[in-house]
Protein backbone atom coordinates (compact mmCIF):
# COMPACT_ATOMS: atom_id res chain seq x y z
CA MET A 1 -47.27 47.17 -4.62
CA ASN A 2 -49.23 47.40 -7.66
CA GLU A 3 -48.66 45.46 -10.82
CA PHE A 4 -46.44 47.13 -13.51
CA TYR A 5 -47.10 47.66 -17.11
CA TYR A 6 -44.40 47.27 -19.66
CA THR A 7 -43.59 49.02 -22.95
CA TYR A 8 -41.53 46.95 -25.15
CA VAL A 9 -39.79 46.80 -28.46
CA LEU A 10 -39.47 43.52 -30.33
CA TYR A 11 -36.97 43.05 -33.40
CA SER A 12 -37.97 40.81 -36.22
CA GLN A 13 -35.04 38.83 -37.54
CA LYS A 14 -37.36 38.31 -40.70
CA ASP A 15 -37.79 41.82 -41.80
CA GLU A 16 -35.36 43.55 -39.49
CA LYS A 17 -38.30 45.93 -38.42
CA PHE A 18 -39.32 46.93 -34.89
CA TYR A 19 -42.78 46.22 -33.48
CA THR A 20 -43.84 48.28 -30.35
CA GLY A 21 -46.52 47.24 -27.78
CA TYR A 22 -47.40 47.21 -24.08
CA THR A 23 -48.69 44.54 -21.55
CA SER A 24 -48.99 43.94 -18.01
CA ASN A 25 -47.26 40.53 -18.56
CA LEU A 26 -44.26 41.04 -20.48
CA LYS A 27 -43.36 37.25 -20.29
CA ARG A 28 -46.63 35.81 -21.59
CA ARG A 29 -47.01 38.47 -24.13
CA PHE A 30 -43.64 37.81 -25.65
CA GLU A 31 -44.28 34.05 -25.74
CA GLU A 32 -47.57 34.77 -27.57
CA HIS A 33 -45.53 36.88 -30.16
CA ASN A 34 -43.20 34.08 -30.73
CA GLN A 35 -45.91 31.30 -30.86
CA GLY A 36 -47.53 33.09 -33.73
CA ARG A 37 -50.71 33.97 -31.67
CA VAL A 38 -50.42 37.74 -32.21
CA GLU A 39 -51.79 38.67 -35.64
CA SER A 40 -49.44 41.65 -36.24
CA THR A 41 -46.44 39.64 -35.59
CA LYS A 42 -47.10 36.06 -36.56
CA ASN A 43 -45.47 36.45 -40.13
CA ARG A 44 -42.65 38.38 -38.62
CA ARG A 45 -40.97 35.65 -36.53
CA PRO A 46 -38.55 34.97 -35.20
CA LEU A 47 -38.56 37.96 -32.82
CA LEU A 48 -36.26 39.24 -30.26
CA LEU A 49 -37.14 41.46 -27.28
CA ILE A 50 -34.55 44.03 -27.59
CA TYR A 51 -35.95 46.95 -25.27
CA TYR A 52 -38.52 47.48 -22.48
CA GLU A 53 -39.49 49.82 -19.73
CA ALA A 54 -41.81 49.25 -16.65
CA CYS A 55 -44.46 51.92 -16.06
CA LEU A 56 -46.60 52.15 -12.73
CA ASN A 57 -49.76 52.32 -14.66
CA GLN A 58 -51.51 51.53 -18.00
CA GLN A 59 -51.92 55.12 -18.96
CA ASP A 60 -48.25 55.83 -18.56
CA ALA A 61 -47.33 52.48 -20.54
CA THR A 62 -49.84 53.35 -23.36
CA HIS A 63 -48.56 57.13 -23.54
CA ARG A 64 -44.91 55.54 -23.74
CA GLU A 65 -46.04 53.27 -26.43
CA LYS A 66 -47.57 55.93 -28.41
CA TYR A 67 -44.16 57.88 -28.17
CA LEU A 68 -41.80 55.01 -29.04
CA LYS A 69 -44.00 54.51 -32.16
CA SER A 70 -43.67 58.06 -33.26
CA PHE A 71 -40.59 59.41 -35.18
CA HIS A 72 -38.75 60.84 -32.35
CA GLY A 73 -39.64 57.62 -30.61
CA LYS A 74 -37.98 55.58 -33.07
CA MET A 75 -34.78 57.66 -33.24
CA PHE A 76 -34.61 57.43 -29.34
CA ILE A 77 -34.65 53.52 -29.83
CA ARG A 78 -32.23 53.57 -32.42
CA ASN A 79 -29.87 55.71 -30.45
CA ARG A 80 -30.30 53.89 -27.32
CA LEU A 81 -29.54 50.50 -29.08
CA LYS A 82 -26.87 51.86 -31.41
CA SER A 83 -24.08 49.41 -30.66
CA TYR A 84 -26.70 46.47 -30.28
CA LEU A 85 -28.07 47.32 -33.83
CA THR A 86 -24.74 47.81 -35.46
CA GLY A 87 -22.92 44.82 -33.99
């Protein structure tokens, strides 16, 4: 079976905003974010992994990442995680 690619959403407990990305190794990438080794999130820690999707190839993951960064994608995430985000 081929390797999966993951599109993921992190939540910054510092600024209460989302960060969306993709990777082929979700555990390693999440550790990099929380250790401050990712420039775009190093000043936004601590971070929580609040959502991810597995894709069969990199192209699908990048398309999904682009969608989740769009207005409609952000609305999708907020609706999907409504009870989590509101407590």
